[in-house]
């Protein structure tokens, strides 16, 4: 799946375009990009975060591990949780990208912060 010039490697259970449900590019950051897709198993839209080159530097690897750990073990209604993690490998069978599958939220954290500041 090529989304906004980015190649997302989805397992077959996740569909970017089902005809009825359309995924979309949601944004990007320093380490990756996020898009939405339809989870055919649970029948809901999910957010899929693609982390490029997660082992390029030890500092990047630590950040990826920290984020994964926080998403896995923090159980709070105000924090999204991680549904699944999968990887794509290169020709040498080395992990090239890590994907986090999370619940799809209507806004980003920065949008929420801006909205709260505007009300204050």
PDB file of N, CA and C in Angstrom:
ATOM      1  N   UNK A   1       0.838  -1.186   0.000  1.00  0.00           N
ATOM      2  CA  UNK A   1       0.000   0.000   0.000  1.00  0.00           C
ATOM      3  C   UNK A   1       0.880   1.245   0.000  1.00  0.00           C
ATOM      4  N   UNK A   2       0.768   2.063  -1.010  1.00  0.00           N
ATOM      5  CA  UNK A   2       1.502   3.318  -1.072  1.00  0.00           C
ATOM      6  C   UNK A   2       0.542   4.434  -0.691  1.00  0.00           C
ATOM      7  N   UNK A   3       0.867   5.132   0.393  1.00  0.00           N
ATOM      8  CA  UNK A   3       0.014   6.180   0.940  1.00  0.00           C
ATOM      9  C   UNK A   3       0.849   7.441   1.049  1.00  0.00           C
ATOM     10  N   UNK A   4       0.466   8.476   0.326  1.00  0.00           N
ATOM     11  CA  UNK A   4       1.231   9.730   0.298  1.00  0.00           C
ATOM     12  C   UNK A   4       2.731   9.487   0.085  1.00  0.00           C
ATOM     13  N   UNK A   5       3.046   8.703  -0.923  1.00  0.00           N
ATOM     14  CA  UNK A   5       4.424   8.362  -1.302  1.00  0.00           C
ATOM     15  C   UNK A   5       5.157   7.533  -0.256  1.00  0.00           C
ATOM     16  N   UNK A   6       4.467   6.985   0.716  1.00  0.00           N
ATOM     17  CA  UNK A   6       5.081   6.111   1.719  1.00  0.00           C
ATOM     18  C   UNK A   6       4.545   4.696   1.534  1.00  0.00           C
ATOM     19  N   UNK A   7       5.421   3.722   1.587  1.00  0.00           N
ATOM     20  CA  UNK A   7       5.017   2.328   1.426  1.00  0.00           C
ATOM     21  C   UNK A   7       4.714   1.734   2.794  1.00  0.00           C
ATOM     22  N   UNK A   8       3.454   1.380   3.015  1.00  0.00           N
ATOM     23  CA  UNK A   8       3.033   0.705   4.239  1.00  0.00           C
ATOM     24  C   UNK A   8       2.809  -0.762   3.907  1.00  0.00           C
ATOM     25  N   UNK A   9       3.455  -1.654   4.625  1.00  0.00           N
ATOM     26  CA  UNK A   9       3.295  -3.094   4.414  1.00  0.00           C
ATOM     27  C   UNK A   9       2.300  -3.634   5.432  1.00  0.00           C
ATOM     28  N   UNK A  10       1.048  -3.745   5.035  1.00  0.00           N
ATOM     29  CA  UNK A  10       0.002  -4.220   5.942  1.00  0.00           C
ATOM     30  C   UNK A  10      -0.123  -5.732   5.864  1.00  0.00           C
ATOM     31  N   UNK A  11      -0.336  -6.396   7.008  1.00  0.00           N
ATOM     32  CA  UNK A  11      -0.816  -7.777   6.951  1.00  0.00           C
ATOM     33  C   UNK A  11      -2.209  -7.771   6.295  1.00  0.00           C
ATOM     34  N   UNK A  12      -2.619  -8.880   5.756  1.00  0.00           N
ATOM     35  CA  UNK A  12      -3.865  -8.937   4.985  1.00  0.00           C
ATOM     36  C   UNK A  12      -5.103  -8.579   5.800  1.00  0.00           C
ATOM     37  N   UNK A  13      -5.019  -8.656   7.102  1.00  0.00           N
ATOM     38  CA  UNK A  13      -6.188  -8.332   7.935  1.00  0.00           C
ATOM     39  C   UNK A  13      -6.510  -6.840   7.925  1.00  0.00           C
ATOM     40  N   UNK A  14      -5.555  -5.990   7.565  1.00  0.00           N
ATOM     41  CA  UNK A  14      -5.748  -4.539   7.535  1.00  0.00           C
ATOM     42  C   UNK A  14      -5.903  -4.075   6.098  1.00  0.00           C
ATOM     43  N   UNK A  15      -6.968  -3.341   5.845  1.00  0.00           N
ATOM     44  CA  UNK A  15      -7.242  -2.861   4.493  1.00  0.00           C
ATOM     45  C   UNK A  15      -7.258  -1.342   4.483  1.00  0.00           C
ATOM     46  N   UNK A  16      -6.560  -0.774   3.509  1.00  0.00           N
ATOM     47  CA  UNK A  16      -6.548   0.685   3.373  1.00  0.00           C
ATOM     48  C   UNK A  16      -7.822   1.186   2.710  1.00  0.00           C
ATOM     49  N   UNK A  17      -8.348   0.415   1.777  1.00  0.00           N
ATOM     50  CA  UNK A  17      -9.560   0.826   1.071  1.00  0.00           C
ATOM     51  C   UNK A  17     -10.453  -0.391   0.879  1.00  0.00           C
ATOM     52  N   UNK A  18     -11.575  -0.416   1.570  1.00  0.00           N
ATOM     53  CA  UNK A  18     -12.503  -1.539   1.437  1.00  0.00           C
ATOM     54  C   UNK A  18     -13.676  -1.191   0.535  1.00  0.00           C
ATOM     55  N   UNK A  19     -13.724   0.030   0.054  1.00  0.00           N
ATOM     56  CA  UNK A  19     -14.875   0.488  -0.699  1.00  0.00           C
ATOM     57  C   UNK A  19     -15.818   1.250   0.214  1.00  0.00           C
ATOM     58  N   UNK A  20     -16.186   0.631   1.343  1.00  0.00           N
ATOM     59  CA  UNK A  20     -17.045   1.298   2.329  1.00  0.00           C
ATOM     60  C   UNK A  20     -16.214   2.117   3.315  1.00  0.00           C
ATOM     61  N   UNK A  21     -15.115   1.549   3.749  1.00  0.00           N
ATOM     62  CA  UNK A  21     -14.236   2.204   4.720  1.00  0.00           C
ATOM     63  C   UNK A  21     -12.944   2.604   4.019  1.00  0.00           C
ATOM     64  N   UNK A  22     -12.593   3.864   4.084  1.00  0.00           N
ATOM     65  CA  UNK A  22     -11.361   4.323   3.455  1.00  0.00           C
ATOM     66  C   UNK A  22     -10.381   4.793   4.526  1.00  0.00           C
ATOM     67  N   UNK A  23      -9.173   4.269   4.453  1.00  0.00           N
ATOM     68  CA  UNK A  23      -8.123   4.741   5.325  1.00  0.00           C
ATOM     69  C   UNK A  23      -7.591   6.057   4.791  1.00  0.00           C
ATOM     70  N   UNK A  24      -6.737   6.684   5.572  1.00  0.00           N
ATOM     71  CA  UNK A  24      -6.138   7.931   5.102  1.00  0.00           C
ATOM     72  C   UNK A  24      -4.820   8.171   5.826  1.00  0.00           C
ATOM     73  N   UNK A  25      -4.006   8.995   5.217  1.00  0.00           N
ATOM     74  CA  UNK A  25      -2.752   9.413   5.811  1.00  0.00           C
ATOM     75  C   UNK A  25      -3.095  10.351   6.967  1.00  0.00           C
ATOM     76  N   UNK A  26      -2.537  10.095   8.149  1.00  0.00           N
ATOM     77  CA  UNK A  26      -2.881  10.900   9.322  1.00  0.00           C
ATOM     78  C   UNK A  26      -1.784  11.877   9.720  1.00  0.00           C
ATOM     79  N   UNK A  27      -0.543  11.586   9.372  1.00  0.00           N
ATOM     80  CA  UNK A  27       0.538  12.502   9.720  1.00  0.00           C
ATOM     81  C   UNK A  27       1.866  11.787   9.842  1.00  0.00           C
ATOM     82  N   UNK A  28       2.888  12.564  10.199  1.00  0.00           N
ATOM     83  CA  UNK A  28       4.211  11.987  10.346  1.00  0.00           C
ATOM     84  C   UNK A  28       4.974  12.744  11.428  1.00  0.00           C
ATOM     85  N   UNK A  29       6.045  12.126  11.855  1.00  0.00           N
ATOM     86  CA  UNK A  29       6.912  12.725  12.858  1.00  0.00           C
ATOM     87  C   UNK A  29       8.352  12.401  12.540  1.00  0.00           C
ATOM     88  N   UNK A  30       9.211  12.545  13.514  1.00  0.00           N
ATOM     89  CA  UNK A  30      10.637  12.334  13.319  1.00  0.00           C
ATOM     90  C   UNK A  30      10.959  10.911  12.890  1.00  0.00           C
ATOM     91  N   UNK A  31      10.296   9.927  13.463  1.00  0.00           N
ATOM     92  CA  UNK A  31      10.673   8.536  13.236  1.00  0.00           C
ATOM     93  C   UNK A  31       9.739   7.760  12.330  1.00  0.00           C
ATOM     94  N   UNK A  32       8.635   8.352  11.915  1.00  0.00           N
ATOM     95  CA  UNK A  32       7.739   7.570  11.087  1.00  0.00           C
ATOM     96  C   UNK A  32       6.501   8.322  10.669  1.00  0.00           C
ATOM     97  N   UNK A  33       5.550   7.554  10.172  1.00  0.00           N
ATOM     98  CA  UNK A  33       4.299   8.111   9.658  1.00  0.00           C
ATOM     99  C   UNK A  33       3.137   7.268  10.163  1.00  0.00           C
ATOM    100  N   UNK A  34       1.936   7.854  10.118  1.00  0.00           N
ATOM    101  CA  UNK A  34       0.738   7.177  10.608  1.00  0.00           C
ATOM    102  C   UNK A  34      -0.356   7.260   9.555  1.00  0.00           C
ATOM    103  N   UNK A  35      -1.048   6.156   9.359  1.00  0.00           N
ATOM    104  CA  UNK A  35      -2.229   6.155   8.490  1.00  0.00           C
ATOM    105  C   UNK A  35      -3.320   5.351   9.190  1.00  0.00           C
ATOM    106  N   UNK A  36      -4.522   5.488   8.704  1.00  0.00           N
ATOM    107  CA  UNK A  36      -5.614   4.671   9.241  1.00  0.00           C
ATOM    108  C   UNK A  36      -5.925   3.564   8.243  1.00  0.00           C
ATOM    109  N   UNK A  37      -6.447   2.465   8.759  1.00  0.00           N
ATOM    110  CA  UNK A  37      -6.822   1.322   7.935  1.00  0.00           C
ATOM    111  C   UNK A  37      -7.968   0.595   8.635  1.00  0.00           C
ATOM    112  N   UNK A  38      -8.646  -0.250   7.892  1.00  0.00           N
ATOM    113  CA  UNK A  38      -9.763  -1.011   8.433  1.00  0.00           C
ATOM    114  C   UNK A  38      -9.273  -2.380   8.893  1.00  0.00           C
ATOM    115  N   UNK A  39      -9.552  -2.715  10.153  1.00  0.00           N
ATOM    116  CA  UNK A  39      -9.197  -4.013  10.719  1.00  0.00           C
ATOM    117  C   UNK A  39     -10.362  -4.965  10.459  1.00  0.00           C
ATOM    118  N   UNK A  40     -10.176  -5.913   9.541  1.00  0.00           N
ATOM    119  CA  UNK A  40     -11.266  -6.815   9.156  1.00  0.00           C
ATOM    120  C   UNK A  40     -11.614  -7.814  10.261  1.00  0.00           C
ATOM    121  N   UNK A  41     -10.680  -8.088  11.150  1.00  0.00           N
ATOM    122  CA  UNK A  41     -10.946  -9.037  12.234  1.00  0.00           C
ATOM    123  C   UNK A  41     -11.867  -8.420  13.288  1.00  0.00           C
ATOM    124  N   UNK A  42     -11.570  -7.183  13.692  1.00  0.00           N
ATOM    125  CA  UNK A  42     -12.368  -6.515  14.731  1.00  0.00           C
ATOM    126  C   UNK A  42     -13.439  -5.596  14.159  1.00  0.00           C
ATOM    127  N   UNK A  43     -13.381  -5.359  12.840  1.00  0.00           N
ATOM    128  CA  UNK A  43     -14.346  -4.519  12.133  1.00  0.00           C
ATOM    129  C   UNK A  43     -14.373  -3.085  12.658  1.00  0.00           C
ATOM    130  N   UNK A  44     -13.184  -2.502  12.823  1.00  0.00           N
ATOM    131  CA  UNK A  44     -13.036  -1.111  13.255  1.00  0.00           C
ATOM    132  C   UNK A  44     -11.888  -0.469  12.494  1.00  0.00           C
ATOM    133  N   UNK A  45     -11.877   0.852  12.464  1.00  0.00           N
ATOM    134  CA  UNK A  45     -10.749   1.587  11.910  1.00  0.00           C
ATOM    135  C   UNK A  45      -9.648   1.629  12.969  1.00  0.00           C
ATOM    136  N   UNK A  46      -8.403   1.461  12.540  1.00  0.00           N
ATOM    137  CA  UNK A  46      -7.253   1.517  13.430  1.00  0.00           C
ATOM    138  C   UNK A  46      -6.225   2.488  12.859  1.00  0.00           C
ATOM    139  N   UNK A  47      -5.329   2.937  13.708  1.00  0.00           N
ATOM    140  CA  UNK A  47      -4.196   3.750  13.268  1.00  0.00           C
ATOM    141  C   UNK A  47      -2.981   2.835  13.215  1.00  0.00           C
ATOM    142  N   UNK A  48      -2.211   2.940  12.135  1.00  0.00           N
ATOM    143  CA  UNK A  48      -1.000   2.143  11.986  1.00  0.00           C
ATOM    144  C   UNK A  48       0.180   3.098  11.891  1.00  0.00           C
ATOM    145  N   UNK A  49       1.079   2.995  12.858  1.00  0.00           N
ATOM    146  CA  UNK A  49       2.253   3.853  12.912  1.00  0.00           C
ATOM    147  C   UNK A  49       3.451   3.083  12.391  1.00  0.00           C
ATOM    148  N   UNK A  50       4.065   3.604  11.347  1.00  0.00           N
ATOM    149  CA  UNK A  50       5.231   2.975  10.737  1.00  0.00           C
ATOM    150  C   UNK A  50       6.494   3.661  11.242  1.00  0.00           C
ATOM    151  N   UNK A  51       7.359   2.892  11.895  1.00  0.00           N
ATOM    152  CA  UNK A  51       8.626   3.415  12.397  1.00  0.00           C
ATOM    153  C   UNK A  51       9.733   2.955  11.459  1.00  0.00           C
ATOM    154  N   UNK A  52      10.344   3.908  10.769  1.00  0.00           N
ATOM    155  CA  UNK A  52      11.397   3.591   9.803  1.00  0.00           C
ATOM    156  C   UNK A  52      12.740   3.444  10.515  1.00  0.00           C
ATOM    157  N   UNK A  53      13.509   2.471  10.079  1.00  0.00           N
ATOM    158  CA  UNK A  53      14.876   2.253  10.562  1.00  0.00           C
ATOM    159  C   UNK A  53      14.964   2.297  12.092  1.00  0.00           C
ATOM    160  N   UNK A  54      14.227   1.422  12.765  1.00  0.00           N
ATOM    161  CA  UNK A  54      14.180   1.490  14.236  1.00  0.00           C
ATOM    162  C   UNK A  54      15.494   1.142  14.924  1.00  0.00           C
ATOM    163  N   UNK A  55      16.435   0.556  14.188  1.00  0.00           N
ATOM    164  CA  UNK A  55      17.705   0.181  14.802  1.00  0.00           C
ATOM    165  C   UNK A  55      18.872   0.952  14.199  1.00  0.00           C
ATOM    166  N   UNK A  56      18.586   2.121  13.604  1.00  0.00           N
ATOM    167  CA  UNK A  56      19.638   2.905  12.956  1.00  0.00           C
ATOM    168  C   UNK A  56      20.635   3.480  13.959  1.00  0.00           C
ATOM    169  N   UNK A  57      20.155   3.843  15.137  1.00  0.00           N
ATOM    170  CA  UNK A  57      21.012   4.371  16.206  1.00  0.00           C
ATOM    171  C   UNK A  57      20.487   3.836  17.525  1.00  0.00           C
ATOM    172  N   UNK A  58      21.366   3.753  18.512  1.00  0.00           N
ATOM    173  CA  UNK A  58      20.922   3.232  19.809  1.00  0.00           C
ATOM    174  C   UNK A  58      19.881   4.149  20.443  1.00  0.00           C
ATOM    175  N   UNK A  59      19.969   5.467  20.216  1.00  0.00           N
ATOM    176  CA  UNK A  59      18.980   6.383  20.795  1.00  0.00           C
ATOM    177  C   UNK A  59      17.596   6.154  20.185  1.00  0.00           C
ATOM    178  N   UNK A  60      17.540   5.849  18.899  1.00  0.00           N
ATOM    179  CA  UNK A  60      16.259   5.562  18.236  1.00  0.00           C
ATOM    180  C   UNK A  60      15.694   4.255  18.777  1.00  0.00           C
ATOM    181  N   UNK A  61      16.543   3.257  18.902  1.00  0.00           N
ATOM    182  CA  UNK A  61      16.107   1.956  19.418  1.00  0.00           C
ATOM    183  C   UNK A  61      15.527   2.107  20.826  1.00  0.00           C
ATOM    184  N   UNK A  62      16.177   2.899  21.673  1.00  0.00           N
ATOM    185  CA  UNK A  62      15.664   3.123  23.034  1.00  0.00           C
ATOM    186  C   UNK A  62      14.302   3.804  22.999  1.00  0.00           C
ATOM    187  N   UNK A  63      14.124   4.785  22.130  1.00  0.00           N
ATOM    188  CA  UNK A  63      12.831   5.487  22.035  1.00  0.00           C
ATOM    189  C   UNK A  63      11.726   4.556  21.566  1.00  0.00           C
ATOM    190  N   UNK A  64      12.027   3.713  20.593  1.00  0.00           N
ATOM    191  CA  UNK A  64      11.043   2.746  20.110  1.00  0.00           C
ATOM    192  C   UNK A  64      10.660   1.792  21.231  1.00  0.00           C
ATOM    193  N   UNK A  65      11.655   1.271  21.945  1.00  0.00           N
ATOM    194  CA  UNK A  65      11.394   0.349  23.048  1.00  0.00           C
ATOM    195  C   UNK A  65      10.579   1.038  24.141  1.00  0.00           C
ATOM    196  N   UNK A  66      10.935   2.285  24.474  1.00  0.00           N
ATOM    197  CA  UNK A  66      10.218   3.038  25.505  1.00  0.00           C
ATOM    198  C   UNK A  66       8.754   3.229  25.108  1.00  0.00           C
ATOM    199  N   UNK A  67       8.527   3.637  23.857  1.00  0.00           N
ATOM    200  CA  UNK A  67       7.144   3.852  23.413  1.00  0.00           C
ATOM    201  C   UNK A  67       6.351   2.555  23.445  1.00  0.00           C
ATOM    202  N   UNK A  68       6.932   1.490  22.959  1.00  0.00           N
ATOM    203  CA  UNK A  68       6.256   0.198  22.963  1.00  0.00           C
ATOM    204  C   UNK A  68       5.924  -0.245  24.379  1.00  0.00           C
ATOM    205  N   UNK A  69       6.864  -0.092  25.293  1.00  0.00           N
ATOM    206  CA  UNK A  69       6.649  -0.475  26.687  1.00  0.00           C
ATOM    207  C   UNK A  69       5.535   0.352  27.323  1.00  0.00           C
ATOM    208  N   UNK A  70       5.567   1.665  27.100  1.00  0.00           N
ATOM    209  CA  UNK A  70       4.522   2.525  27.668  1.00  0.00           C
ATOM    210  C   UNK A  70       3.141   2.173  27.126  1.00  0.00           C
ATOM    211  N   UNK A  71       3.058   1.964  25.812  1.00  0.00           N
ATOM    212  CA  UNK A  71       1.762   1.635  25.216  1.00  0.00           C
ATOM    213  C   UNK A  71       1.247   0.270  25.692  1.00  0.00           C
ATOM    214  N   UNK A  72       2.151  -0.631  25.962  1.00  0.00           N
ATOM    215  CA  UNK A  72       1.738  -1.971  26.385  1.00  0.00           C
ATOM    216  C   UNK A  72       1.286  -2.010  27.835  1.00  0.00           C
ATOM    217  N   UNK A  73       1.977  -1.273  28.717  1.00  0.00           N
ATOM    218  CA  UNK A  73       1.730  -1.423  30.150  1.00  0.00           C
ATOM    219  C   UNK A  73       0.926  -0.292  30.793  1.00  0.00           C
ATOM    220  N   UNK A  74       0.736   0.801  30.117  1.00  0.00           N
ATOM    221  CA  UNK A  74      -0.081   1.886  30.681  1.00  0.00           C
ATOM    222  C   UNK A  74      -1.546   1.625  30.367  1.00  0.00           C
ATOM    223  N   UNK A  75      -2.309   1.397  31.381  1.00  0.00           N
ATOM    224  CA  UNK A  75      -3.750   1.165  31.201  1.00  0.00           C
ATOM    225  C   UNK A  75      -4.498   2.324  31.845  1.00  0.00           C
ATOM    226  N   UNK A  76      -4.877   3.266  31.011  1.00  0.00           N
ATOM    227  CA  UNK A  76      -5.564   4.451  31.483  1.00  0.00           C
ATOM    228  C   UNK A  76      -6.522   4.896  30.385  1.00  0.00           C
ATOM    229  N   UNK A  77      -7.728   5.362  30.740  1.00  0.00           N
ATOM    230  CA  UNK A  77      -8.698   5.746  29.709  1.00  0.00           C
ATOM    231  C   UNK A  77      -8.242   6.913  28.823  1.00  0.00           C
ATOM    232  N   UNK A  78      -7.267   7.686  29.280  1.00  0.00           N
ATOM    233  CA  UNK A  78      -6.785   8.825  28.493  1.00  0.00           C
ATOM    234  C   UNK A  78      -5.554   8.488  27.645  1.00  0.00           C
ATOM    235  N   UNK A  79      -5.105   7.249  27.696  1.00  0.00           N
ATOM    236  CA  UNK A  79      -3.930   6.836  26.924  1.00  0.00           C
ATOM    237  C   UNK A  79      -4.345   5.722  25.976  1.00  0.00           C
ATOM    238  N   UNK A  80      -4.000   5.893  24.687  1.00  0.00           N
ATOM    239  CA  UNK A  80      -4.316   4.839  23.734  1.00  0.00           C
ATOM    240  C   UNK A  80      -3.515   3.602  24.072  1.00  0.00           C
ATOM    241  N   UNK A  81      -4.006   2.455  23.643  1.00  0.00           N
ATOM    242  CA  UNK A  81      -3.232   1.243  23.880  1.00  0.00           C
ATOM    243  C   UNK A  81      -2.854   0.628  22.541  1.00  0.00           C
ATOM    244  N   UNK A  82      -1.813  -0.156  22.587  1.00  0.00           N
ATOM    245  CA  UNK A  82      -1.267  -0.793  21.398  1.00  0.00           C
ATOM    246  C   UNK A  82      -1.966  -2.129  21.195  1.00  0.00           C
ATOM    247  N   UNK A  83      -2.559  -2.325  20.014  1.00  0.00           N
ATOM    248  CA  UNK A  83      -3.267  -3.573  19.738  1.00  0.00           C
ATOM    249  C   UNK A  83      -2.344  -4.665  19.214  1.00  0.00           C
ATOM    250  N   UNK A  84      -1.387  -4.264  18.393  1.00  0.00           N
ATOM    251  CA  UNK A  84      -0.521  -5.256  17.755  1.00  0.00           C
ATOM    252  C   UNK A  84       0.770  -4.578  17.306  1.00  0.00           C
ATOM    253  N   UNK A  85       1.826  -5.352  17.224  1.00  0.00           N
ATOM    254  CA  UNK A  85       3.092  -4.897  16.666  1.00  0.00           C
ATOM    255  C   UNK A  85       3.484  -5.911  15.608  1.00  0.00           C
ATOM    256  N   UNK A  86       3.869  -5.429  14.450  1.00  0.00           N
ATOM    257  CA  UNK A  86       4.413  -6.321  13.441  1.00  0.00           C
ATOM    258  C   UNK A  86       5.592  -5.648  12.763  1.00  0.00           C
ATOM    259  N   UNK A  87       6.394  -6.432  12.059  1.00  0.00           N
ATOM    260  CA  UNK A  87       7.625  -5.914  11.450  1.00  0.00           C
ATOM    261  C   UNK A  87       7.655  -6.273   9.971  1.00  0.00           C
ATOM    262  N   UNK A  88       8.434  -5.501   9.224  1.00  0.00           N
ATOM    263  CA  UNK A  88       8.770  -5.891   7.853  1.00  0.00           C
ATOM    264  C   UNK A  88      10.276  -6.076   7.812  1.00  0.00           C
ATOM    265  N   UNK A  89      10.693  -7.055   7.043  1.00  0.00           N
ATOM    266  CA  UNK A  89      12.123  -7.389   6.987  1.00  0.00           C
ATOM    267  C   UNK A  89      12.665  -7.113   5.594  1.00  0.00           C
ATOM    268  N   UNK A  90      13.964  -6.867   5.535  1.00  0.00           N
ATOM    269  CA  UNK A  90      14.599  -6.640   4.242  1.00  0.00           C
ATOM    270  C   UNK A  90      15.054  -7.968   3.643  1.00  0.00           C
ATOM    271  N   UNK A  91      15.775  -7.910   2.538  1.00  0.00           N
ATOM    272  CA  UNK A  91      16.222  -9.126   1.853  1.00  0.00           C
ATOM    273  C   UNK A  91      17.173  -9.972   2.689  1.00  0.00           C
ATOM    274  N   UNK A  92      17.859  -9.352   3.651  1.00  0.00           N
ATOM    275  CA  UNK A  92      18.774 -10.085   4.531  1.00  0.00           C
ATOM    276  C   UNK A  92      18.082 -10.611   5.778  1.00  0.00           C
ATOM    277  N   UNK A  93      16.751 -10.567   5.792  1.00  0.00           N
ATOM    278  CA  UNK A  93      15.929 -11.038   6.909  1.00  0.00           C
ATOM    279  C   UNK A  93      16.155 -10.220   8.182  1.00  0.00           C
ATOM    280  N   UNK A  94      16.538  -8.952   8.021  1.00  0.00           N
ATOM    281  CA  UNK A  94      16.704  -8.050   9.162  1.00  0.00           C
ATOM    282  C   UNK A  94      15.492  -7.133   9.239  1.00  0.00           C
ATOM    283  N   UNK A  95      15.114  -6.776  10.466  1.00  0.00           N
ATOM    284  CA  UNK A  95      13.955  -5.892  10.650  1.00  0.00           C
ATOM    285  C   UNK A  95      14.268  -4.529  10.046  1.00  0.00           C
ATOM    286  N   UNK A  96      13.404  -4.121   9.138  1.00  0.00           N
ATOM    287  CA  UNK A  96      13.570  -2.836   8.456  1.00  0.00           C
ATOM    288  C   UNK A  96      12.632  -1.781   9.031  1.00  0.00           C
ATOM    289  N   UNK A  97      11.410  -2.209   9.337  1.00  0.00           N
ATOM    290  CA  UNK A  97      10.401  -1.284   9.863  1.00  0.00           C
ATOM    291  C   UNK A  97       9.597  -1.994  10.945  1.00  0.00           C
ATOM    292  N   UNK A  98       9.126  -1.209  11.912  1.00  0.00           N
ATOM    293  CA  UNK A  98       8.226  -1.712  12.940  1.00  0.00           C
ATOM    294  C   UNK A  98       6.922  -0.948  12.803  1.00  0.00           C
ATOM    295  N   UNK A  99       5.818  -1.660  12.921  1.00  0.00           N
ATOM    296  CA  UNK A  99       4.493  -1.056  12.825  1.00  0.00           C
ATOM    297  C   UNK A  99       3.759  -1.260  14.139  1.00  0.00           C
ATOM    298  N   UNK A 100       3.189  -0.187  14.678  1.00  0.00           N
ATOM    299  CA  UNK A 100       2.326  -0.258  15.855  1.00  0.00           C
ATOM    300  C   UNK A 100       0.898  -0.086  15.367  1.00  0.00           C
ATOM    301  N   UNK A 101       0.014  -0.975  15.766  1.00  0.00           N
ATOM    302  CA  UNK A 101      -1.407  -0.858  15.446  1.00  0.00           C
ATOM    303  C   UNK A 101      -2.111  -0.416  16.715  1.00  0.00           C
ATOM    304  N   UNK A 102      -2.816   0.725  16.607  1.00  0.00           N
ATOM    305  CA  UNK A 102      -3.465   1.318  17.776  1.00  0.00           C
ATOM    306  C   UNK A 102      -4.904   1.700  17.437  1.00  0.00           C
ATOM    307  N   UNK A 103      -5.669   1.963  18.459  1.00  0.00           N
ATOM    308  CA  UNK A 103      -7.004   2.466  18.210  1.00  0.00           C
ATOM    309  C   UNK A 103      -6.894   3.810  17.494  1.00  0.00           C
ATOM    310  N   UNK A 104      -7.825   4.072  16.622  1.00  0.00           N
ATOM    311  CA  UNK A 104      -7.794   5.300  15.829  1.00  0.00           C
ATOM    312  C   UNK A 104      -8.569   6.386  16.569  1.00  0.00           C
ATOM    313  N   UNK A 105      -7.897   7.472  16.859  1.00  0.00           N
ATOM    314  CA  UNK A 105      -8.507   8.570  17.609  1.00  0.00           C
ATOM    315  C   UNK A 105      -8.913   9.691  16.649  1.00  0.00           C
ATOM    316  N   UNK A 106      -9.921  10.488  17.015  1.00  0.00           N
ATOM    317  CA  UNK A 106     -10.387  11.545  16.107  1.00  0.00           C
ATOM    318  C   UNK A 106      -9.426  12.727  15.989  1.00  0.00           C
ATOM    319  N   UNK A 107      -8.556  12.923  16.977  1.00  0.00           N
ATOM    320  CA  UNK A 107      -7.618  14.046  16.928  1.00  0.00           C
ATOM    321  C   UNK A 107      -6.254  13.600  17.428  1.00  0.00           C
ATOM    322  N   UNK A 108      -5.254  14.434  17.212  1.00  0.00           N
ATOM    323  CA  UNK A 108      -3.912  14.143  17.720  1.00  0.00           C
ATOM    324  C   UNK A 108      -3.747  14.780  19.091  1.00  0.00           C
ATOM    325  N   UNK A 109      -2.698  14.398  19.783  1.00  0.00           N
ATOM    326  CA  UNK A 109      -2.411  14.982  21.091  1.00  0.00           C
ATOM    327  C   UNK A 109      -2.190  16.485  20.974  1.00  0.00           C
ATOM    328  N   UNK A 110      -1.440  16.921  19.956  1.00  0.00           N
ATOM    329  CA  UNK A 110      -1.183  18.361  19.812  1.00  0.00           C
ATOM    330  C   UNK A 110      -2.470  19.138  19.524  1.00  0.00           C
ATOM    331  N   UNK A 111      -3.397  18.543  18.760  1.00  0.00           N
ATOM    332  CA  UNK A 111      -4.687  19.205  18.519  1.00  0.00           C
ATOM    333  C   UNK A 111      -5.471  19.343  19.815  1.00  0.00           C
ATOM    334  N   UNK A 112      -5.447  18.311  20.644  1.00  0.00           N
ATOM    335  CA  UNK A 112      -6.138  18.371  21.938  1.00  0.00           C
ATOM    336  C   UNK A 112      -5.550  19.450  22.829  1.00  0.00           C
ATOM    337  N   UNK A 113      -4.225  19.555  22.866  1.00  0.00           N
ATOM    338  CA  UNK A 113      -3.569  20.569  23.698  1.00  0.00           C
ATOM    339  C   UNK A 113      -3.947  21.962  23.213  1.00  0.00           C
ATOM    340  N   UNK A 114      -3.941  22.177  21.889  1.00  0.00           N
ATOM    341  CA  UNK A 114      -4.328  23.489  21.349  1.00  0.00           C
ATOM    342  C   UNK A 114      -5.764  23.840  21.701  1.00  0.00           C
ATOM    343  N   UNK A 115      -6.663  22.860  21.651  1.00  0.00           N
ATOM    344  CA  UNK A 115      -8.065  23.101  21.986  1.00  0.00           C
ATOM    345  C   UNK A 115      -8.222  23.478  23.454  1.00  0.00           C
ATOM    346  N   UNK A 116      -7.503  22.792  24.331  1.00  0.00           N
ATOM    347  CA  UNK A 116      -7.567  23.110  25.761  1.00  0.00           C
ATOM    348  C   UNK A 116      -7.014  24.499  26.021  1.00  0.00           C
ATOM    349  N   UNK A 117      -5.891  24.831  25.390  1.00  0.00           N
ATOM    350  CA  UNK A 117      -5.307  26.174  25.578  1.00  0.00           C
ATOM    351  C   UNK A 117      -6.241  27.262  25.073  1.00  0.00           C
ATOM    352  N   UNK A 118      -6.948  27.000  24.001  1.00  0.00           N
ATOM    353  CA  UNK A 118      -7.865  28.004  23.454  1.00  0.00           C
ATOM    354  C   UNK A 118      -9.033  28.274  24.395  1.00  0.00           C
ATOM    355  N   UNK A 119      -9.420  27.264  25.166  1.00  0.00           N
ATOM    356  CA  UNK A 119     -10.536  27.426  26.105  1.00  0.00           C
ATOM    357  C   UNK A 119     -10.134  28.142  27.384  1.00  0.00           C
ATOM    358  N   UNK A 120      -8.840  28.118  27.702  1.00  0.00           N
ATOM    359  CA  UNK A 120      -8.363  28.703  28.961  1.00  0.00           C
ATOM    360  C   UNK A 120      -8.201  30.190  28.852  1.00  0.00           C
TER     361      UNK A 120
END
